[in-house]
Amino acid sequence: MRKYNDKESTELLEIQCNCCGKQLLVKNGIVREGCMMYQDIFGYFSHKDGEMHSFDLCEDCYDRIVQSFKIPVSIEEKELL
């Protein structure tokens, strides 16, 4: 869950993991530790048609969740800018 300075602002104040509740380190609007943000809009033929869902996971919760997948997550190295 992300909190911003105000509704029109893009200045990030804090992030809390939606799974475990951990407060993630944010400094000067920049996340300073591993965090996965998910956001998607459910489409036609879904029971959630038109709903946008979003959440944040700390790295530990992400790792725990993907370990339970029957098909592993695809991982490829990318150069950070």
PDB file of N, CA and C in Angstrom:
ATOM      1  N   MET A   1       0.847  -1.160   0.000  1.00  0.00           N
ATOM      2  CA  MET A   1       0.000   0.000   0.000  1.00  0.00           C
ATOM      3  C   MET A   1       0.898   1.229   0.000  1.00  0.00           C
ATOM      4  N   ARG A   2       0.632   2.123  -0.929  1.00  0.00           N
ATOM      5  CA  ARG A   2       1.444   3.326  -1.068  1.00  0.00           C
ATOM      6  C   ARG A   2       0.700   4.544  -0.556  1.00  0.00           C
ATOM      7  N   LYS A   3       1.445   5.430   0.087  1.00  0.00           N
ATOM      8  CA  LYS A   3       0.894   6.712   0.536  1.00  0.00           C
ATOM      9  C   LYS A   3       1.721   7.824  -0.091  1.00  0.00           C
ATOM     10  N   TYR A   4       0.998   8.799  -0.630  1.00  0.00           N
ATOM     11  CA  TYR A   4       1.634   9.937  -1.279  1.00  0.00           C
ATOM     12  C   TYR A   4       1.354  11.207  -0.490  1.00  0.00           C
ATOM     13  N   ASN A   5       2.095  12.256  -0.817  1.00  0.00           N
ATOM     14  CA  ASN A   5       1.979  13.539  -0.129  1.00  0.00           C
ATOM     15  C   ASN A   5       0.540  14.054  -0.146  1.00  0.00           C
ATOM     16  N   ASP A   6      -0.108  14.013  -1.299  1.00  0.00           N
ATOM     17  CA  ASP A   6      -1.523  14.346  -1.429  1.00  0.00           C
ATOM     18  C   ASP A   6      -2.065  13.655  -2.668  1.00  0.00           C
ATOM     19  N   LYS A   7      -3.356  13.804  -2.955  1.00  0.00           N
ATOM     20  CA  LYS A   7      -3.970  13.054  -4.056  1.00  0.00           C
ATOM     21  C   LYS A   7      -3.395  13.401  -5.419  1.00  0.00           C
ATOM     22  N   GLU A   8      -2.949  14.636  -5.625  1.00  0.00           N
ATOM     23  CA  GLU A   8      -2.400  15.042  -6.914  1.00  0.00           C
ATOM     24  C   GLU A   8      -0.890  14.805  -6.999  1.00  0.00           C
ATOM     25  N   SER A   9      -0.250  14.514  -5.893  1.00  0.00           N
ATOM     26  CA  SER A   9       1.206  14.401  -5.842  1.00  0.00           C
ATOM     27  C   SER A   9       1.692  13.017  -6.263  1.00  0.00           C
ATOM     28  N   THR A  10       2.877  12.988  -6.837  1.00  0.00           N
ATOM     29  CA  THR A  10       3.533  11.724  -7.126  1.00  0.00           C
ATOM     30  C   THR A  10       4.676  11.486  -6.142  1.00  0.00           C
ATOM     31  N   GLU A  11       4.797  12.369  -5.137  1.00  0.00           N
ATOM     32  CA  GLU A  11       5.856  12.210  -4.133  1.00  0.00           C
ATOM     33  C   GLU A  11       5.475  11.095  -3.164  1.00  0.00           C
ATOM     34  N   LEU A  12       6.232  10.014  -3.220  1.00  0.00           N
ATOM     35  CA  LEU A  12       5.974   8.838  -2.389  1.00  0.00           C
ATOM     36  C   LEU A  12       6.436   9.092  -0.963  1.00  0.00           C
ATOM     37  N   LEU A  13       5.540   8.880   0.001  1.00  0.00           N
ATOM     38  CA  LEU A  13       5.878   9.066   1.409  1.00  0.00           C
ATOM     39  C   LEU A  13       6.198   7.755   2.108  1.00  0.00           C
ATOM     40  N   GLU A  14       5.391   6.722   1.831  1.00  0.00           N
ATOM     41  CA  GLU A  14       5.638   5.429   2.478  1.00  0.00           C
ATOM     42  C   GLU A  14       5.008   4.290   1.694  1.00  0.00           C
ATOM     43  N   ILE A  15       5.551   3.091   1.931  1.00  0.00           N
ATOM     44  CA  ILE A  15       5.014   1.855   1.355  1.00  0.00           C
ATOM     45  C   ILE A  15       4.933   0.829   2.472  1.00  0.00           C
ATOM     46  N   GLN A  16       3.811   0.136   2.520  1.00  0.00           N
ATOM     47  CA  GLN A  16       3.615  -0.942   3.481  1.00  0.00           C
ATOM     48  C   GLN A  16       3.273  -2.199   2.699  1.00  0.00           C
ATOM     49  N   CYS A  17       3.926  -3.311   3.018  1.00  0.00           N
ATOM     50  CA  CYS A  17       3.643  -4.583   2.356  1.00  0.00           C
ATOM     51  C   CYS A  17       2.206  -4.994   2.656  1.00  0.00           C
ATOM     52  N   ASN A  18       1.422  -5.235   1.603  1.00  0.00           N
ATOM     53  CA  ASN A  18       0.034  -5.635   1.793  1.00  0.00           C
ATOM     54  C   ASN A  18      -0.100  -7.022   2.409  1.00  0.00           C
ATOM     55  N   CYS A  19       0.939  -7.844   2.317  1.00  0.00           N
ATOM     56  CA  CYS A  19       0.873  -9.211   2.828  1.00  0.00           C
ATOM     57  C   CYS A  19       1.206  -9.279   4.324  1.00  0.00           C
ATOM     58  N   CYS A  20       2.387  -8.774   4.713  1.00  0.00           N
ATOM     59  CA  CYS A  20       2.828  -8.919   6.108  1.00  0.00           C
ATOM     60  C   CYS A  20       2.720  -7.626   6.917  1.00  0.00           C
ATOM     61  N   GLY A  21       2.495  -6.499   6.238  1.00  0.00           N
ATOM     62  CA  GLY A  21       2.352  -5.224   6.938  1.00  0.00           C
ATOM     63  C   GLY A  21       3.659  -4.486   7.188  1.00  0.00           C
ATOM     64  N   LYS A  22       4.782  -5.059   6.757  1.00  0.00           N
ATOM     65  CA  LYS A  22       6.090  -4.433   6.986  1.00  0.00           C
ATOM     66  C   LYS A  22       6.148  -3.051   6.340  1.00  0.00           C
ATOM     67  N   GLN A  23       6.672  -2.083   7.081  1.00  0.00           N
ATOM     68  CA  GLN A  23       6.919  -0.741   6.564  1.00  0.00           C
ATOM     69  C   GLN A  23       8.240  -0.762   5.799  1.00  0.00           C
ATOM     70  N   LEU A  24       8.205  -0.433   4.507  1.00  0.00           N
ATOM     71  CA  LEU A  24       9.406  -0.446   3.683  1.00  0.00           C
ATOM     72  C   LEU A  24      10.089   0.919   3.749  1.00  0.00           C
ATOM     73  N   LEU A  25      11.409   0.904   3.616  1.00  0.00           N
ATOM     74  CA  LEU A  25      12.193   2.127   3.718  1.00  0.00           C
ATOM     75  C   LEU A  25      12.018   2.985   2.467  1.00  0.00           C
ATOM     76  N   VAL A  26      11.523   4.220   2.659  1.00  0.00           N
ATOM     77  CA  VAL A  26      11.386   5.205   1.593  1.00  0.00           C
ATOM     78  C   VAL A  26      12.130   6.450   2.044  1.00  0.00           C
ATOM     79  N   LYS A  27      13.036   6.919   1.190  1.00  0.00           N
ATOM     80  CA  LYS A  27      13.818   8.110   1.515  1.00  0.00           C
ATOM     81  C   LYS A  27      13.788   9.048   0.324  1.00  0.00           C
ATOM     82  N   ASN A  28      13.368  10.282   0.555  1.00  0.00           N
ATOM     83  CA  ASN A  28      13.261  11.285  -0.514  1.00  0.00           C
ATOM     84  C   ASN A  28      12.424  10.779  -1.682  1.00  0.00           C
ATOM     85  N   GLY A  29      11.350  10.058  -1.386  1.00  0.00           N
ATOM     86  CA  GLY A  29      10.439   9.568  -2.410  1.00  0.00           C
ATOM     87  C   GLY A  29      10.919   8.347  -3.165  1.00  0.00           C
ATOM     88  N   ILE A  30      12.039   7.734  -2.729  1.00  0.00           N
ATOM     89  CA  ILE A  30      12.606   6.576  -3.417  1.00  0.00           C
ATOM     90  C   ILE A  30      12.595   5.366  -2.486  1.00  0.00           C
ATOM     91  N   VAL A  31      12.086   4.230  -2.981  1.00  0.00           N
ATOM     92  CA  VAL A  31      12.064   2.992  -2.207  1.00  0.00           C
ATOM     93  C   VAL A  31      13.495   2.489  -2.092  1.00  0.00           C
ATOM     94  N   ARG A  32      13.941   2.231  -0.864  1.00  0.00           N
ATOM     95  CA  ARG A  32      15.336   1.852  -0.617  1.00  0.00           C
ATOM     96  C   ARG A  32      15.518   0.381  -0.262  1.00  0.00           C
ATOM     97  N   GLU A  33      14.544  -0.458  -0.608  1.00  0.00           N
ATOM     98  CA  GLU A  33      14.686  -1.901  -0.418  1.00  0.00           C
ATOM     99  C   GLU A  33      13.791  -2.623  -1.412  1.00  0.00           C
ATOM    100  N   GLY A  34      13.964  -3.946  -1.505  1.00  0.00           N
ATOM    101  CA  GLY A  34      13.219  -4.723  -2.483  1.00  0.00           C
ATOM    102  C   GLY A  34      11.717  -4.625  -2.288  1.00  0.00           C
ATOM    103  N   CYS A  35      11.019  -4.309  -3.365  1.00  0.00           N
ATOM    104  CA  CYS A  35       9.561  -4.150  -3.321  1.00  0.00           C
ATOM    105  C   CYS A  35       8.994  -4.496  -4.688  1.00  0.00           C
ATOM    106  N   MET A  36       7.901  -5.228  -4.709  1.00  0.00           N
ATOM    107  CA  MET A  36       7.215  -5.520  -5.955  1.00  0.00           C
ATOM    108  C   MET A  36       5.858  -4.857  -5.932  1.00  0.00           C
ATOM    109  N   MET A  37       5.590  -4.023  -6.933  1.00  0.00           N
ATOM    110  CA  MET A  37       4.278  -3.399  -7.048  1.00  0.00           C
ATOM    111  C   MET A  37       3.510  -4.120  -8.149  1.00  0.00           C
ATOM    112  N   TYR A  38       2.276  -4.475  -7.863  1.00  0.00           N
ATOM    113  CA  TYR A  38       1.419  -5.125  -8.844  1.00  0.00           C
ATOM    114  C   TYR A  38       0.193  -4.261  -9.044  1.00  0.00           C
ATOM    115  N   GLN A  39      -0.189  -4.076 -10.308  1.00  0.00           N
ATOM    116  CA  GLN A  39      -1.411  -3.335 -10.614  1.00  0.00           C
ATOM    117  C   GLN A  39      -1.969  -3.884 -11.917  1.00  0.00           C
ATOM    118  N   ASP A  40      -3.254  -4.221 -11.922  1.00  0.00           N
ATOM    119  CA  ASP A  40      -3.866  -4.741 -13.132  1.00  0.00           C
ATOM    120  C   ASP A  40      -5.368  -4.484 -13.090  1.00  0.00           C
ATOM    121  N   ILE A  41      -5.952  -4.399 -14.270  1.00  0.00           N
ATOM    122  CA  ILE A  41      -7.402  -4.230 -14.404  1.00  0.00           C
ATOM    123  C   ILE A  41      -7.960  -5.541 -14.944  1.00  0.00           C
ATOM    124  N   PHE A  42      -8.918  -6.099 -14.238  1.00  0.00           N
ATOM    125  CA  PHE A  42      -9.552  -7.336 -14.687  1.00  0.00           C
ATOM    126  C   PHE A  42     -10.412  -7.038 -15.912  1.00  0.00           C
ATOM    127  N   GLY A  43     -10.363  -7.929 -16.885  1.00  0.00           N
ATOM    128  CA  GLY A  43     -11.073  -7.722 -18.140  1.00  0.00           C
ATOM    129  C   GLY A  43     -12.355  -8.520 -18.232  1.00  0.00           C
ATOM    130  N   TYR A  44     -12.854  -8.576 -19.453  1.00  0.00           N
ATOM    131  CA  TYR A  44     -14.085  -9.321 -19.730  1.00  0.00           C
ATOM    132  C   TYR A  44     -13.952 -10.775 -19.286  1.00  0.00           C
ATOM    133  N   PHE A  45     -15.051 -11.368 -18.964  1.00  0.00           N
ATOM    134  CA  PHE A  45     -15.171 -12.772 -18.574  1.00  0.00           C
ATOM    135  C   PHE A  45     -14.631 -13.039 -17.173  1.00  0.00           C
ATOM    136  N   SER A  46     -14.299 -11.996 -16.438  1.00  0.00           N
ATOM    137  CA  SER A  46     -13.864 -12.129 -15.055  1.00  0.00           C
ATOM    138  C   SER A  46     -15.015 -11.730 -14.139  1.00  0.00           C
ATOM    139  N   HIS A  47     -15.017 -12.263 -12.939  1.00  0.00           N
ATOM    140  CA  HIS A  47     -16.009 -11.841 -11.946  1.00  0.00           C
ATOM    141  C   HIS A  47     -15.670 -10.453 -11.406  1.00  0.00           C
ATOM    142  N   LYS A  48     -14.487  -9.957 -11.732  1.00  0.00           N
ATOM    143  CA  LYS A  48     -14.040  -8.637 -11.285  1.00  0.00           C
ATOM    144  C   LYS A  48     -13.928  -7.668 -12.470  1.00  0.00           C
ATOM    145  N   ASP A  49     -14.689  -7.889 -13.508  1.00  0.00           N
ATOM    146  CA  ASP A  49     -14.638  -7.120 -14.741  1.00  0.00           C
ATOM    147  C   ASP A  49     -14.613  -5.612 -14.466  1.00  0.00           C
ATOM    148  N   GLY A  50     -13.555  -4.943 -14.930  1.00  0.00           N
ATOM    149  CA  GLY A  50     -13.438  -3.495 -14.783  1.00  0.00           C
ATOM    150  C   GLY A  50     -12.825  -3.030 -13.479  1.00  0.00           C
ATOM    151  N   GLU A  51     -12.555  -3.931 -12.552  1.00  0.00           N
ATOM    152  CA  GLU A  51     -11.935  -3.546 -11.282  1.00  0.00           C
ATOM    153  C   GLU A  51     -10.416  -3.487 -11.439  1.00  0.00           C
ATOM    154  N   MET A  52      -9.816  -2.413 -10.913  1.00  0.00           N
ATOM    155  CA  MET A  52      -8.359  -2.336 -10.887  1.00  0.00           C
ATOM    156  C   MET A  52      -7.893  -2.732  -9.487  1.00  0.00           C
ATOM    157  N   HIS A  53      -6.994  -3.696  -9.425  1.00  0.00           N
ATOM    158  CA  HIS A  53      -6.432  -4.156  -8.160  1.00  0.00           C
ATOM    159  C   HIS A  53      -4.952  -3.792  -8.145  1.00  0.00           C
ATOM    160  N   SER A  54      -4.475  -3.321  -6.994  1.00  0.00           N
ATOM    161  CA  SER A  54      -3.049  -3.010  -6.859  1.00  0.00           C
ATOM    162  C   SER A  54      -2.604  -3.341  -5.442  1.00  0.00           C
ATOM    163  N   PHE A  55      -1.340  -3.774  -5.342  1.00  0.00           N
ATOM    164  CA  PHE A  55      -0.769  -4.054  -4.033  1.00  0.00           C
ATOM    165  C   PHE A  55       0.744  -4.036  -4.122  1.00  0.00           C
ATOM    166  N   ASP A  56       1.389  -3.950  -2.963  1.00  0.00           N
ATOM    167  CA  ASP A  56       2.843  -3.973  -2.860  1.00  0.00           C
ATOM    168  C   ASP A  56       3.245  -5.144  -1.981  1.00  0.00           C
ATOM    169  N   LEU A  57       4.347  -5.803  -2.357  1.00  0.00           N
ATOM    170  CA  LEU A  57       4.890  -6.893  -1.558  1.00  0.00           C
ATOM    171  C   LEU A  57       6.349  -6.604  -1.233  1.00  0.00           C
ATOM    172  N   CYS A  58       6.744  -6.858   0.012  1.00  0.00           N
ATOM    173  CA  CYS A  58       8.167  -6.800   0.345  1.00  0.00           C
ATOM    174  C   CYS A  58       8.841  -7.997  -0.331  1.00  0.00           C
ATOM    175  N   GLU A  59      10.150  -7.967  -0.414  1.00  0.00           N
ATOM    176  CA  GLU A  59      10.868  -9.023  -1.117  1.00  0.00           C
ATOM    177  C   GLU A  59      10.688 -10.392  -0.457  1.00  0.00           C
ATOM    178  N   ASP A  60      10.633 -10.424   0.880  1.00  0.00           N
ATOM    179  CA  ASP A  60      10.445 -11.701   1.583  1.00  0.00           C
ATOM    180  C   ASP A  60       9.091 -12.330   1.243  1.00  0.00           C
ATOM    181  N   CYS A  61       8.019 -11.527   1.228  1.00  0.00           N
ATOM    182  CA  CYS A  61       6.690 -12.057   0.913  1.00  0.00           C
ATOM    183  C   CYS A  61       6.621 -12.498  -0.541  1.00  0.00           C
ATOM    184  N   TYR A  62       7.220 -11.710  -1.436  1.00  0.00           N
ATOM    185  CA  TYR A  62       7.268 -12.099  -2.842  1.00  0.00           C
ATOM    186  C   TYR A  62       7.942 -13.469  -2.990  1.00  0.00           C
ATOM    187  N   ASP A  63       9.110 -13.632  -2.363  1.00  0.00           N
ATOM    188  CA  ASP A  63       9.840 -14.899  -2.456  1.00  0.00           C
ATOM    189  C   ASP A  63       9.014 -16.067  -1.929  1.00  0.00           C
ATOM    190  N   ARG A  64       8.342 -15.862  -0.808  1.00  0.00           N
ATOM    191  CA  ARG A  64       7.534 -16.922  -0.208  1.00  0.00           C
ATOM    192  C   ARG A  64       6.372 -17.308  -1.122  1.00  0.00           C
ATOM    193  N   ILE A  65       5.721 -16.318  -1.720  1.00  0.00           N
ATOM    194  CA  ILE A  65       4.560 -16.585  -2.572  1.00  0.00           C
ATOM    195  C   ILE A  65       4.967 -17.315  -3.846  1.00  0.00           C
ATOM    196  N   VAL A  66       6.021 -16.844  -4.526  1.00  0.00           N
ATOM    197  CA  VAL A  66       6.390 -17.469  -5.796  1.00  0.00           C
ATOM    198  C   VAL A  66       6.974 -18.866  -5.606  1.00  0.00           C
ATOM    199  N   GLN A  67       7.483 -19.178  -4.420  1.00  0.00           N
ATOM    200  CA  GLN A  67       7.968 -20.540  -4.158  1.00  0.00           C
ATOM    201  C   GLN A  67       6.836 -21.562  -4.230  1.00  0.00           C
ATOM    202  N   SER A  68       5.601 -21.107  -4.031  1.00  0.00           N
ATOM    203  CA  SER A  68       4.466 -22.032  -4.055  1.00  0.00           C
ATOM    204  C   SER A  68       3.936 -22.268  -5.474  1.00  0.00           C
ATOM    205  N   PHE A  69       4.458 -21.560  -6.472  1.00  0.00           N
ATOM    206  CA  PHE A  69       3.994 -21.723  -7.850  1.00  0.00           C
ATOM    207  C   PHE A  69       4.381 -23.094  -8.402  1.00  0.00           C
ATOM    208  N   LYS A  70       3.479 -23.739  -9.114  1.00  0.00           N
ATOM    209  CA  LYS A  70       3.791 -25.006  -9.776  1.00  0.00           C
ATOM    210  C   LYS A  70       4.729 -24.787 -10.958  1.00  0.00           C
ATOM    211  N   ILE A  71       4.581 -23.653 -11.641  1.00  0.00           N
ATOM    212  CA  ILE A  71       5.464 -23.278 -12.747  1.00  0.00           C
ATOM    213  C   ILE A  71       6.303 -22.104 -12.252  1.00  0.00           C
ATOM    214  N   PRO A  72       7.627 -22.260 -12.224  1.00  0.00           N
ATOM    215  CA  PRO A  72       8.481 -21.204 -11.667  1.00  0.00           C
ATOM    216  C   PRO A  72       8.382 -19.890 -12.440  1.00  0.00           C
ATOM    217  N   VAL A  73       8.661 -18.818 -11.740  1.00  0.00           N
ATOM    218  CA  VAL A  73       8.708 -17.487 -12.337  1.00  0.00           C
ATOM    219  C   VAL A  73       9.864 -17.439 -13.335  1.00  0.00           C
ATOM    220  N   SER A  74       9.643 -16.802 -14.472  1.00  0.00           N
ATOM    221  CA  SER A  74      10.732 -16.592 -15.440  1.00  0.00           C
ATOM    222  C   SER A  74      11.608 -15.457 -14.934  1.00  0.00           C
ATOM    223  N   ILE A  75      12.912 -15.692 -14.907  1.00  0.00           N
ATOM    224  CA  ILE A  75      13.856 -14.693 -14.407  1.00  0.00           C
ATOM    225  C   ILE A  75      14.918 -14.455 -15.463  1.00  0.00           C
ATOM    226  N   GLU A  76      15.177 -13.180 -15.754  1.00  0.00           N
ATOM    227  CA  GLU A  76      16.266 -12.850 -16.653  1.00  0.00           C
ATOM    228  C   GLU A  76      16.950 -11.592 -16.110  1.00  0.00           C
ATOM    229  N   GLU A  77      18.265 -11.557 -16.234  1.00  0.00           N
ATOM    230  CA  GLU A  77      19.060 -10.422 -15.735  1.00  0.00           C
ATOM    231  C   GLU A  77      18.878  -9.214 -16.642  1.00  0.00           C
ATOM    232  N   LYS A  78      18.700  -8.048 -16.037  1.00  0.00           N
ATOM    233  CA  LYS A  78      18.572  -6.782 -16.759  1.00  0.00           C
ATOM    234  C   LYS A  78      19.557  -5.794 -16.167  1.00  0.00           C
ATOM    235  N   GLU A  79      20.095  -4.946 -17.027  1.00  0.00           N
ATOM    236  CA  GLU A  79      21.015  -3.904 -16.559  1.00  0.00           C
ATOM    237  C   GLU A  79      20.201  -2.766 -15.951  1.00  0.00           C
ATOM    238  N   LEU A  80      20.580  -2.346 -14.752  1.00  0.00           N
ATOM    239  CA  LEU A  80      19.900  -1.248 -14.085  1.00  0.00           C
ATOM    240  C   LEU A  80      20.487   0.068 -14.574  1.00  0.00           C
ATOM    241  N   LEU A  81      19.628   1.028 -14.777  1.00  0.00           N
ATOM    242  CA  LEU A  81      20.082   2.342 -15.247  1.00  0.00           C
ATOM    243  C   LEU A  81      20.516   3.214 -14.109  1.00  0.00           C
TER     244      LEU A  81
END
